Amino acid sequence: MLITRQLALIGSVVSMWGLVIGCVSVDPTMDYERARQNVARATGHESMYLPGQRDAVNDRVESLLSNGLTAEQAVQVALLNNPGLQAGWMNLGMARADFVQAGLLSNPSLGGSLRLPSGGGLANLELVIAQNIADLWRIPARQRTAQAAIEREILDFARQAAGLAADTQVAYYRAVGATELQEVAKENLAIAEQLLELAIGRQSAGAGAELDVNLSRSAVLEARLAVESARLAAAEEKRTLAGLLGISSDPETLVLVEKLPDLRDFRFQVDRVIEHAQRTRLDVRAADLAVTQAESELKAEHAEVWPTLELGVDMERGERKSGQDEGADFGIGPGWNLELPIFDQNQAQIAKAGYALEQARKQLESLRRSATLEVRGACDRLTTAWSIAGLYRDQFIPLARKNLELSRDSYNAGRASFLAVLEAQRFYLDTRRRSIEALQTAAEAIPELERGTATPIAKLLSILAGSPAEGHPASRPCAEAGNRMETQP
């Protein structure tokens, strides 16, 4: 009876342990929400894909695509529909699973032996159930490490989403710019055809030469080739955009309703932008968490010096040979097992964790320095690009248009050669093309600065609205460039 009761007790302990383990679950819902909030702060978009919302996402994407896309809507479609970003959510689930695993006690051990007496009778029976209680001081360190890993995954995912948003804006403006270049090529073809008609008319009137007509025909053929090349370039840019949007249908069916933006006045102090970026950049914050994680891993390795301390219950029933009287042949009591750290004191892993911590600190320092240079360069490119775009719009385009009109009037009046008209036409076409490219580069500089600061441009300008006077040395590059640009509504 005593043996039966003890076996029942051991069985109850094992059953309760299984019940506790069975209640463990992995729920990354809160991690998803925190990641969504980080993405919203970095991109300005609240709506995005969340695991388990596939049908609602499909309906929203179809609605956005139905009436054409602005740049902001394209970013929203990418955040909802990009399969690579959707796959990134799974990293958060895996990190949460690692955290849950880090908090679990190791399984208890159940052992025993059975020795049969040579003369028959009841066998000698030993049973041992034990639990490694070293987990009591190892689990907190493991959980700190796993929690830091979750925080890093959240920031890494937000950085992936912010990078996707910036790439989508850049691709959108490149597609729009390529489309506008295609329109310029078509306009140039129309001009070339008009010049051909003018040359043929002058030849018919006896005032023009056959060479002028042939040159005009060459210009028309060249313009037609340029139209085809521009069409292909626009299609390629749309295919790039469609890939970021997660769309597999014909990219040329994408309707981009927004033109390249008007000129804007950017005026802010570079040092304040850098200071802001050091606080908000997702990669810097992730690198800072990497240091925290490495510190936790070092503490966890110190806890591994005593990896095993098992406490349990030992039960033994002695053998009873045939014909032997019953006696006090049953014993039960506590048992323990301690691994002595004599040869392996985990010195190598502790040293390795120490090197990893120092490496994480150096990487953080390196990233902070490179972030400073990156943001400074983004500011310089932004203001310079918008300044150049303003020069093209205000000076180069009017000059090229006037030269073309004067050369055509002079040729028609017989005061200029046809070569002068062709040269004026090429200058006008090249100036239009460069103007669009400059405006496209200026538009692309905005998401690049947003990427560098992990802040939407409108919010960044609002935060920096109280910057010092323009006389501050660090503010001059942006301020001077801003003075050369007009503010458009």
Protein backbone atom coordinates (compact mmCIF):
# COMPACT_ATOMS: atom_id res chain seq x y z
CA MET A 1 0.00 0.00 0.00
CA LEU A 2 2.82 2.40 0.85
CA ILE A 3 4.47 1.82 -2.49
CA THR A 4 1.19 2.41 -4.26
CA ARG A 5 0.68 5.71 -2.47
CA GLN A 6 4.19 6.89 -3.28
CA LEU A 7 3.82 5.99 -6.95
CA ALA A 8 0.51 7.84 -7.03
CA LEU A 9 2.21 10.91 -5.51
CA ILE A 10 4.95 10.85 -8.11
CA GLY A 11 2.33 10.46 -10.85
CA SER A 12 0.40 13.45 -9.54
CA VAL A 13 3.52 15.63 -9.56
CA VAL A 14 4.29 14.66 -13.16
CA SER A 15 0.68 15.31 -14.21
CA MET A 16 0.64 18.76 -12.60
CA TRP A 17 3.92 19.61 -14.34
CA GLY A 18 2.46 18.60 -17.68
CA LEU A 19 -0.59 20.75 -17.01
CA VAL A 20 1.59 23.81 -16.33
CA ILE A 21 3.62 23.26 -19.47
CA GLY A 22 0.46 22.78 -21.50
CA CYS A 23 -0.77 26.24 -20.45
CA VAL A 24 2.25 27.95 -22.02
CA SER A 25 1.34 29.87 -25.19
CA VAL A 26 3.09 32.21 -27.63
CA ASP A 27 1.10 35.38 -28.30
CA PRO A 28 3.02 38.16 -30.13
CA THR A 29 -0.03 40.45 -30.44
CA MET A 30 1.46 43.17 -28.24
CA ASP A 31 4.74 42.96 -30.12
CA TYR A 32 2.83 43.45 -33.39
CA GLU A 33 1.15 46.54 -32.00
CA ARG A 34 4.42 48.06 -30.78
CA ALA A 35 6.00 47.40 -34.16
CA ARG A 36 3.03 49.05 -35.87
CA GLN A 37 3.42 52.13 -33.66
CA ASN A 38 7.13 52.39 -34.51
CA VAL A 39 6.37 52.12 -38.21
CA ALA A 40 3.67 54.78 -37.89
CA ARG A 41 6.10 57.18 -36.20
CA ALA A 42 8.74 56.60 -38.87
CA THR A 43 6.47 56.76 -41.93
CA GLY A 44 3.37 58.68 -40.85
CA HIS A 45 1.13 55.77 -41.93
CA GLU A 46 -1.12 54.07 -39.39
CA SER A 47 -2.66 51.50 -41.75
CA MET A 48 -0.55 48.45 -42.57
CA TYR A 49 -0.70 44.68 -42.83
CA LEU A 50 -1.06 42.70 -39.62
CA PRO A 51 -0.93 38.89 -39.46
CA GLY A 52 -4.40 37.38 -39.70
CA GLN A 53 -5.92 40.27 -41.67
CA ARG A 54 -5.32 39.03 -45.20
CA ASP A 55 -8.87 39.48 -46.52
CA ALA A 56 -9.25 43.01 -45.15
CA VAL A 57 -5.85 43.92 -46.60
CA ASN A 58 -6.81 42.65 -50.07
CA ASP A 59 -9.99 44.72 -50.06
CA ARG A 60 -8.12 47.84 -48.98
CA VAL A 61 -5.42 47.39 -51.64
CA GLU A 62 -7.99 46.93 -54.39
CA SER A 63 -9.76 50.08 -53.24
CA LEU A 64 -6.54 52.11 -53.32
CA LEU A 65 -5.56 50.86 -56.78
CA SER A 66 -8.97 51.42 -58.33
CA ASN A 67 -8.74 55.22 -58.72
CA GLY A 68 -5.03 55.73 -59.32
CA LEU A 69 -2.21 56.24 -56.85
CA THR A 70 -0.59 59.24 -55.25
CA ALA A 71 2.86 58.85 -53.69
CA GLU A 72 1.34 58.55 -50.21
CA GLN A 73 -1.16 55.95 -51.39
CA ALA A 74 1.63 53.97 -53.03
CA VAL A 75 3.44 53.83 -49.69
CA GLN A 76 0.25 52.65 -48.02
CA VAL A 77 -0.20 49.87 -50.58
CA ALA A 78 3.40 48.77 -50.04
CA LEU A 79 2.95 48.62 -46.26
CA LEU A 80 -0.21 46.57 -46.76
CA ASN A 81 0.76 44.32 -49.63
CA ASN A 82 4.55 43.86 -49.89
CA PRO A 83 5.19 40.13 -49.29
CA GLY A 84 8.70 40.69 -47.95
CA LEU A 85 7.37 43.01 -45.27
CA GLN A 86 4.60 40.54 -44.47
CA ALA A 87 7.23 37.86 -43.95
CA GLY A 88 9.07 40.20 -41.57
CA TRP A 89 6.19 40.02 -39.11
CA MET A 90 7.04 36.36 -38.51
CA ASN A 91 10.38 37.37 -36.98
CA LEU A 92 8.44 39.00 -34.15
CA GLY A 93 6.53 35.78 -33.53
CA MET A 94 9.76 33.79 -33.45
CA ALA A 95 11.36 36.27 -31.04
CA ARG A 96 8.35 36.01 -28.74
CA ALA A 97 8.60 32.20 -28.90
CA ASP A 98 12.26 32.45 -27.85
CA PHE A 99 11.23 34.62 -24.90
CA VAL A 100 8.62 32.09 -23.79
CA GLN A 101 11.16 29.30 -24.15
CA ALA A 102 13.69 31.26 -22.08
CA GLY A 103 11.22 31.37 -19.17
CA LEU A 104 10.54 27.65 -19.02
CA LEU A 105 12.08 25.38 -16.42
CA SER A 106 13.92 22.40 -17.74
CA ASN A 107 11.97 19.14 -17.66
CA PRO A 108 12.24 16.99 -14.53
CA SER A 109 13.98 13.66 -14.78
CA LEU A 110 12.51 10.33 -13.76
CA GLY A 111 14.85 7.42 -13.29
CA GLY A 112 14.86 4.01 -11.69
CA SER A 113 16.30 0.55 -11.58
CA LEU A 114 14.98 -2.97 -11.09
CA ARG A 115 17.21 -5.80 -9.81
CA LEU A 116 15.84 -9.33 -9.63
CA PRO A 117 17.09 -11.57 -6.79
CA SER A 118 18.79 -14.79 -7.91
CA GLY A 119 16.64 -16.98 -5.70
CA GLY A 120 13.30 -15.53 -6.78
CA GLY A 121 10.99 -13.25 -4.85
CA LEU A 122 10.34 -9.52 -5.05
CA ALA A 123 12.87 -7.47 -6.96
CA ASN A 124 14.85 -4.53 -5.63
CA LEU A 125 13.17 -1.37 -6.98
CA GLU A 126 14.57 2.17 -7.03
CA LEU A 127 12.75 5.28 -8.34
CA VAL A 128 14.13 8.83 -8.53
CA ILE A 129 12.38 12.02 -9.64
CA ALA A 130 14.50 15.19 -9.75
CA GLN A 131 14.36 18.78 -10.95
CA ASN A 132 17.27 21.00 -11.93
CA ILE A 133 16.78 24.12 -9.80
CA ALA A 134 19.74 25.92 -11.38
CA ASP A 135 17.09 27.35 -13.71
CA LEU A 136 15.98 29.59 -10.85
CA TRP A 137 19.02 31.82 -11.33
CA ARG A 138 19.52 31.12 -15.04
CA ILE A 139 16.00 31.98 -16.25
CA PRO A 140 16.06 35.72 -15.35
CA ALA A 141 19.25 36.24 -17.32
CA ARG A 142 17.87 34.26 -20.28
CA GLN A 143 14.66 36.27 -20.23
CA ARG A 144 16.50 39.60 -20.19
CA THR A 145 18.42 38.48 -23.24
CA ALA A 146 15.28 37.28 -25.01
CA GLN A 147 13.41 40.51 -24.18
CA ALA A 148 16.22 42.58 -25.63
CA ALA A 149 16.06 40.40 -28.74
CA ILE A 150 12.33 41.14 -29.06
CA GLU A 151 12.99 44.88 -28.82
CA ARG A 152 15.65 44.60 -31.53
CA GLU A 153 13.32 42.63 -33.79
CA ILE A 154 10.63 45.28 -33.36
CA LEU A 155 13.05 48.04 -34.34
CA ASP A 156 14.54 45.99 -37.19
CA PHE A 157 11.07 45.39 -38.56
CA ALA A 158 10.17 49.07 -38.26
CA ARG A 159 13.40 49.95 -40.07
CA GLN A 160 12.51 47.47 -42.83
CA ALA A 161 9.08 49.07 -43.16
CA ALA A 162 10.51 52.61 -43.16
CA GLY A 163 13.05 51.58 -45.79
CA LEU A 164 10.24 50.11 -47.90
CA ALA A 165 8.28 53.36 -47.57
CA ALA A 166 11.28 55.42 -48.70
CA ASP A 167 12.07 53.04 -51.58
CA THR A 168 8.43 53.16 -52.69
CA GLN A 169 8.40 56.97 -52.76
CA VAL A 170 11.65 57.03 -54.71
CA ALA A 171 10.31 54.45 -57.18
CA TYR A 172 7.08 56.42 -57.52
CA TYR A 173 8.88 59.66 -58.35
CA ARG A 174 11.18 57.85 -60.77
CA ALA A 175 8.18 56.36 -62.54
CA VAL A 176 6.49 59.76 -62.66
CA GLY A 177 9.69 61.38 -63.89
CA ALA A 178 10.12 58.72 -66.58
CA THR A 179 6.53 59.32 -67.69
CA GLU A 180 7.14 63.05 -67.92
CA LEU A 181 10.33 62.41 -69.90
CA GLN A 182 8.23 60.30 -72.24
CA GLU A 183 5.91 63.29 -72.72
CA VAL A 184 8.92 65.50 -73.43
CA ALA A 185 10.08 63.02 -76.05
CA LYS A 186 6.63 63.12 -77.67
CA GLU A 187 6.69 66.92 -77.61
CA ASN A 188 10.11 66.89 -79.23
CA LEU A 189 8.77 64.58 -81.94
CA ALA A 190 5.97 67.06 -82.63
CA ILE A 191 8.50 69.91 -82.87
CA ALA A 192 10.69 67.87 -85.20
CA GLU A 193 7.71 67.12 -87.46
CA GLN A 194 6.82 70.83 -87.55
CA LEU A 195 10.39 71.66 -88.56
CA LEU A 196 10.19 69.03 -91.29
CA GLU A 197 7.03 70.63 -92.64
CA LEU A 198 8.71 74.02 -92.49
CA ALA A 199 11.79 72.74 -94.37
CA ILE A 200 9.65 71.07 -97.03
CA GLY A 201 7.61 74.25 -97.42
CA ARG A 202 10.71 76.39 -97.87
CA GLN A 203 12.12 73.88 -100.37
CA SER A 204 8.86 73.98 -102.36
CA ALA A 205 9.05 77.78 -102.39
CA GLY A 206 12.62 77.60 -103.70
CA ALA A 207 14.09 79.10 -100.52
CA GLY A 208 15.27 75.90 -98.88
CA ALA A 209 17.82 73.23 -99.68
CA GLU A 210 17.41 69.47 -99.88
CA LEU A 211 20.01 69.15 -97.11
CA ASP A 212 17.69 70.99 -94.73
CA VAL A 213 14.88 68.57 -95.54
CA ASN A 214 17.14 65.55 -95.03
CA LEU A 215 18.38 66.94 -91.71
CA SER A 216 14.76 67.46 -90.66
CA ARG A 217 13.86 63.89 -91.56
CA SER A 218 16.86 62.64 -89.54
CA ALA A 219 15.68 64.67 -86.56
CA VAL A 220 12.19 63.17 -86.86
CA LEU A 221 13.58 59.61 -86.95
CA GLU A 222 15.80 60.33 -83.98
CA ALA A 223 12.83 61.77 -82.08
CA ARG A 224 10.74 58.66 -82.80
CA LEU A 225 13.50 56.44 -81.43
CA ALA A 226 13.68 58.64 -78.34
CA VAL A 227 9.91 58.21 -77.81
CA GLU A 228 10.25 54.42 -77.86
CA SER A 229 13.23 54.49 -75.50
CA ALA A 230 11.36 56.79 -73.13
CA ARG A 231 8.32 54.47 -73.21
CA LEU A 232 10.50 51.50 -72.28
CA ALA A 233 12.21 53.44 -69.48
CA ALA A 234 8.83 54.46 -68.04
CA ALA A 235 7.62 50.85 -68.19
CA GLU A 236 10.76 49.64 -66.38
CA GLU A 237 10.27 52.18 -63.59
CA LYS A 238 6.64 51.13 -63.22
CA ARG A 239 7.72 47.49 -62.97
CA THR A 240 10.12 48.41 -60.17
CA LEU A 241 7.32 50.23 -58.38
CA ALA A 242 4.93 47.30 -58.86
CA GLY A 243 7.46 44.96 -57.24
CA LEU A 244 7.58 47.14 -54.14
CA LEU A 245 3.79 47.32 -54.07
CA GLY A 246 3.55 43.52 -54.24
CA ILE A 247 1.55 43.64 -57.47
CA SER A 248 1.94 40.92 -60.09
CA SER A 249 -0.48 42.30 -62.69
CA ASP A 250 0.66 44.36 -65.70
CA PRO A 251 2.55 47.33 -64.19
CA GLU A 252 1.67 49.56 -67.14
CA THR A 253 -1.93 49.53 -65.91
CA LEU A 254 -0.81 51.45 -62.81
CA VAL A 255 -2.21 54.96 -62.87
CA LEU A 256 0.04 57.49 -61.13
CA VAL A 257 -2.07 60.58 -60.58
CA GLU A 258 0.57 62.74 -58.89
CA LYS A 259 3.12 64.81 -60.75
CA LEU A 260 6.60 65.67 -59.56
CA PRO A 261 6.22 68.07 -56.61
CA ASP A 262 6.50 71.83 -56.87
CA LEU A 263 9.57 73.59 -55.54
CA ARG A 264 9.69 73.89 -51.77
CA ASP A 265 11.55 75.99 -49.24
CA PHE A 266 13.63 73.84 -46.87
CA ARG A 267 15.25 75.79 -44.09
CA PHE A 268 16.61 74.09 -41.00
CA GLN A 269 19.74 73.74 -38.89
CA VAL A 270 21.76 70.68 -39.81
CA ASP A 271 23.09 70.04 -36.32
CA ARG A 272 19.57 69.86 -34.96
CA VAL A 273 18.61 67.39 -37.66
CA ILE A 274 21.58 65.22 -36.70
CA GLU A 275 20.72 65.46 -33.01
CA HIS A 276 17.14 64.44 -33.78
CA ALA A 277 18.28 61.55 -35.97
CA GLN A 278 20.53 60.16 -33.23
CA ARG A 279 17.43 59.83 -31.04
CA THR A 280 15.00 58.52 -33.65
CA ARG A 281 16.99 56.43 -36.15
CA LEU A 282 15.81 52.87 -35.87
CA ASP A 283 19.18 51.30 -36.65
CA VAL A 284 20.88 53.35 -33.92
CA ARG A 285 18.21 52.35 -31.42
CA ALA A 286 18.55 48.70 -32.49
CA ALA A 287 22.33 48.88 -32.07
CA ASP A 288 21.84 50.35 -28.59
CA LEU A 289 19.58 47.41 -27.75
CA ALA A 290 22.24 45.08 -29.12
CA VAL A 291 24.54 46.36 -26.38
CA THR A 292 21.83 45.67 -23.78
CA GLN A 293 21.35 42.19 -25.20
CA ALA A 294 25.09 41.50 -25.12
CA GLU A 295 25.23 42.62 -21.48
CA SER A 296 22.41 40.22 -20.63
CA GLU A 297 24.14 37.39 -22.47
CA LEU A 298 27.31 38.01 -20.48
CA LYS A 299 25.34 37.76 -17.22
CA ALA A 300 23.67 34.61 -18.51
CA GLU A 301 27.04 33.02 -19.22
CA HIS A 302 28.21 33.81 -15.67
CA ALA A 303 25.09 32.02 -14.40
CA GLU A 304 26.11 28.93 -16.38
CA VAL A 305 29.08 28.31 -14.04
CA TRP A 306 26.74 26.15 -11.93
CA PRO A 307 24.68 24.52 -14.71
CA THR A 308 23.20 21.64 -12.69
CA LEU A 309 21.75 21.43 -9.20
CA GLU A 310 19.08 18.76 -9.08
CA LEU A 311 16.80 18.19 -6.11
CA GLY A 312 14.34 15.32 -5.97
CA VAL A 313 12.84 12.36 -4.18
CA ASP A 314 14.48 8.94 -4.01
CA MET A 315 12.48 5.82 -3.21
CA GLU A 316 13.84 2.31 -2.74
CA ARG A 317 12.16 -1.00 -1.96
CA GLY A 318 14.65 -3.65 -1.02
CA GLU A 319 14.57 -7.13 -2.52
CA ARG A 320 12.75 -9.90 -0.76
CA LYS A 321 13.78 -13.45 -1.52
CA SER A 322 11.37 -16.33 -1.58
CA GLY A 323 10.41 -17.47 1.90
CA GLN A 324 11.81 -14.34 3.54
CA ASP A 325 9.55 -12.64 6.06
CA GLU A 326 8.17 -9.19 5.36
CA GLY A 327 10.16 -6.41 6.97
CA ALA A 328 10.91 -2.73 6.79
CA ASP A 329 12.33 -2.96 3.29
CA PHE A 330 10.98 0.37 1.91
CA GLY A 331 12.71 3.78 2.10
CA ILE A 332 11.96 7.27 0.72
CA GLY A 333 13.79 10.56 1.13
CA PRO A 334 15.28 13.63 -0.55
CA GLY A 335 18.05 13.37 -3.08
CA TRP A 336 20.34 15.85 -4.83
CA ASN A 337 22.91 16.03 -7.57
CA LEU A 338 25.37 18.90 -8.08
CA GLU A 339 27.69 19.28 -11.05
CA LEU A 340 31.02 20.50 -9.71
CA PRO A 341 32.62 23.20 -11.90
CA ILE A 342 36.16 21.91 -11.54
CA PHE A 343 37.39 21.50 -15.11
CA ASP A 344 34.76 23.49 -17.05
CA GLN A 345 33.84 26.76 -15.37
CA ASN A 346 32.40 28.19 -18.61
CA GLN A 347 35.43 30.48 -18.90
CA ALA A 348 35.52 30.30 -22.70
CA GLN A 349 31.87 31.24 -23.16
CA ILE A 350 32.16 34.06 -20.61
CA ALA A 351 35.16 35.43 -22.49
CA LYS A 352 33.28 35.09 -25.79
CA ALA A 353 30.31 36.99 -24.38
CA GLY A 354 32.68 39.70 -23.16
CA TYR A 355 34.15 40.10 -26.64
CA ALA A 356 30.62 40.19 -28.10
CA LEU A 357 29.69 42.99 -25.70
CA GLU A 358 32.72 45.05 -26.64
CA GLN A 359 31.98 44.43 -30.32
CA ALA A 360 28.38 45.63 -29.87
CA ARG A 361 29.61 48.81 -28.18
CA LYS A 362 32.07 49.53 -30.99
CA GLN A 363 29.41 48.85 -33.63
CA LEU A 364 27.07 51.29 -31.90
CA GLU A 365 29.79 53.95 -31.88
CA SER A 366 30.53 53.31 -35.56
CA LEU A 367 26.86 53.49 -36.49
CA ARG A 368 26.39 56.77 -34.66
CA ARG A 369 29.27 58.31 -36.59
CA SER A 370 28.11 57.00 -39.96
CA ALA A 371 24.56 58.19 -39.18
CA THR A 372 25.90 61.69 -38.57
CA LEU A 373 27.64 61.74 -41.95
CA GLU A 374 24.62 60.21 -43.70
CA VAL A 375 22.17 62.76 -42.33
CA ARG A 376 24.53 65.64 -43.07
CA GLY A 377 24.85 64.41 -46.65
CA ALA A 378 21.08 63.94 -46.98
CA CYS A 379 20.53 67.53 -45.87
CA ASP A 380 23.10 68.82 -48.34
CA ARG A 381 21.65 66.77 -51.21
CA LEU A 382 18.12 67.90 -50.36
CA THR A 383 18.82 71.62 -50.41
CA THR A 384 21.19 71.46 -53.39
CA ALA A 385 18.78 69.38 -55.47
CA TRP A 386 15.90 71.78 -54.88
CA SER A 387 18.13 74.75 -55.64
CA ILE A 388 19.18 73.22 -58.97
CA ALA A 389 15.57 72.41 -59.83
CA GLY A 390 14.67 76.04 -59.15
CA LEU A 391 17.41 77.30 -61.48
CA TYR A 392 16.17 75.08 -64.29
CA ARG A 393 12.58 76.22 -63.84
CA ASP A 394 13.27 79.93 -63.47
CA GLN A 395 16.19 80.47 -65.86
CA PHE A 396 17.21 77.58 -68.11
CA ILE A 397 13.77 76.56 -69.40
CA PRO A 398 12.65 80.12 -70.33
CA LEU A 399 16.00 80.77 -72.04
CA ALA A 400 15.91 77.52 -74.05
CA ARG A 401 12.29 78.13 -75.12
CA LYS A 402 13.06 81.68 -76.23
CA ASN A 403 16.13 80.53 -78.21
CA LEU A 404 14.05 77.92 -80.04
CA GLU A 405 11.36 80.46 -80.96
CA LEU A 406 13.93 83.01 -82.16
CA SER A 407 15.80 80.44 -84.25
CA ARG A 408 12.60 79.24 -85.94
CA ASP A 409 11.50 82.79 -86.72
CA SER A 410 14.96 83.66 -88.08
CA TYR A 411 15.08 80.52 -90.25
CA ASN A 412 11.61 81.21 -91.60
CA ALA A 413 12.73 84.74 -92.48
CA GLY A 414 15.91 83.46 -94.08
CA ARG A 415 18.23 85.03 -91.52
CA ALA A 416 19.48 81.80 -89.92
CA SER A 417 20.59 78.37 -91.08
CA PHE A 418 18.62 75.23 -90.42
CA LEU A 419 21.51 73.93 -88.31
CA ALA A 420 20.91 76.79 -85.87
CA VAL A 421 17.31 75.68 -85.51
CA LEU A 422 18.34 72.09 -84.86
CA GLU A 423 20.87 73.20 -82.29
CA ALA A 424 18.25 75.33 -80.52
CA GLN A 425 15.84 72.41 -80.58
CA ARG A 426 18.43 70.04 -79.07
CA PHE A 427 19.28 72.59 -76.37
CA TYR A 428 15.59 73.01 -75.52
CA LEU A 429 15.03 69.23 -75.37
CA ASP A 430 18.14 68.66 -73.27
CA THR A 431 17.15 71.47 -70.89
CA ARG A 432 13.63 70.08 -70.47
CA ARG A 433 15.04 66.61 -69.80
CA ARG A 434 17.58 67.88 -67.29
CA SER A 435 14.92 69.99 -65.60
CA ILE A 436 12.72 66.94 -65.04
CA GLU A 437 15.68 64.89 -63.84
CA ALA A 438 16.64 67.67 -61.40
CA LEU A 439 13.09 67.86 -60.04
CA GLN A 440 12.99 64.07 -59.79
CA THR A 441 16.27 64.06 -57.85
CA ALA A 442 14.91 66.76 -55.56
CA ALA A 443 11.75 64.74 -54.93
CA GLU A 444 13.80 61.62 -54.17
CA ALA A 445 15.89 63.55 -51.64
CA ILE A 446 12.84 63.96 -49.38
CA PRO A 447 12.29 60.23 -48.63
CA GLU A 448 16.05 59.82 -48.28
CA LEU A 449 16.08 62.39 -45.49
CA GLU A 450 13.03 60.71 -43.98
CA ARG A 451 14.90 57.41 -44.10
CA GLY A 452 17.93 58.99 -42.42
CA THR A 453 15.91 60.52 -39.60
CA ALA A 454 13.10 57.93 -39.32
CA THR A 455 10.68 60.87 -39.34
CA PRO A 456 8.19 62.09 -41.98
CA ILE A 457 9.35 65.36 -43.54
CA ALA A 458 6.29 67.33 -42.34
CA LYS A 459 6.84 66.22 -38.75
CA LEU A 460 10.59 66.87 -39.00
CA LEU A 461 10.06 70.43 -40.20
CA SER A 462 7.53 70.98 -37.42
CA ILE A 463 9.98 69.73 -34.78
CA LEU A 464 12.78 71.90 -36.15
CA ALA A 465 10.62 75.01 -36.57
CA GLY A 466 12.32 76.71 -33.60
CA SER A 467 15.88 76.44 -34.98
CA PRO A 468 18.38 79.25 -34.25
CA ALA A 469 19.01 82.20 -36.50
CA GLU A 470 20.34 81.69 -39.97
CA GLY A 471 23.71 83.06 -38.94
CA HIS A 472 24.58 79.79 -37.20
CA PRO A 473 27.35 78.14 -39.28
CA ALA A 474 25.62 74.78 -39.39
CA SER A 475 22.40 76.29 -40.66
CA ARG A 476 23.85 78.25 -43.57
CA PRO A 477 23.93 75.51 -46.27
CA CYS A 478 20.23 74.73 -45.86
CA ALA A 479 19.17 78.31 -45.24
CA GLU A 480 21.02 79.76 -48.21
CA ALA A 481 19.62 77.09 -50.50
CA GLY A 482 16.15 77.79 -49.12
CA ASN A 483 16.52 81.49 -49.92
CA ARG A 484 17.05 80.64 -53.59
CA MET A 485 13.78 78.70 -53.81
CA GLU A 486 10.22 79.90 -53.94
CA THR A 487 7.56 78.52 -51.65
CA GLN A 488 4.72 76.97 -53.59
CA PRO A 489 1.22 76.47 -52.12
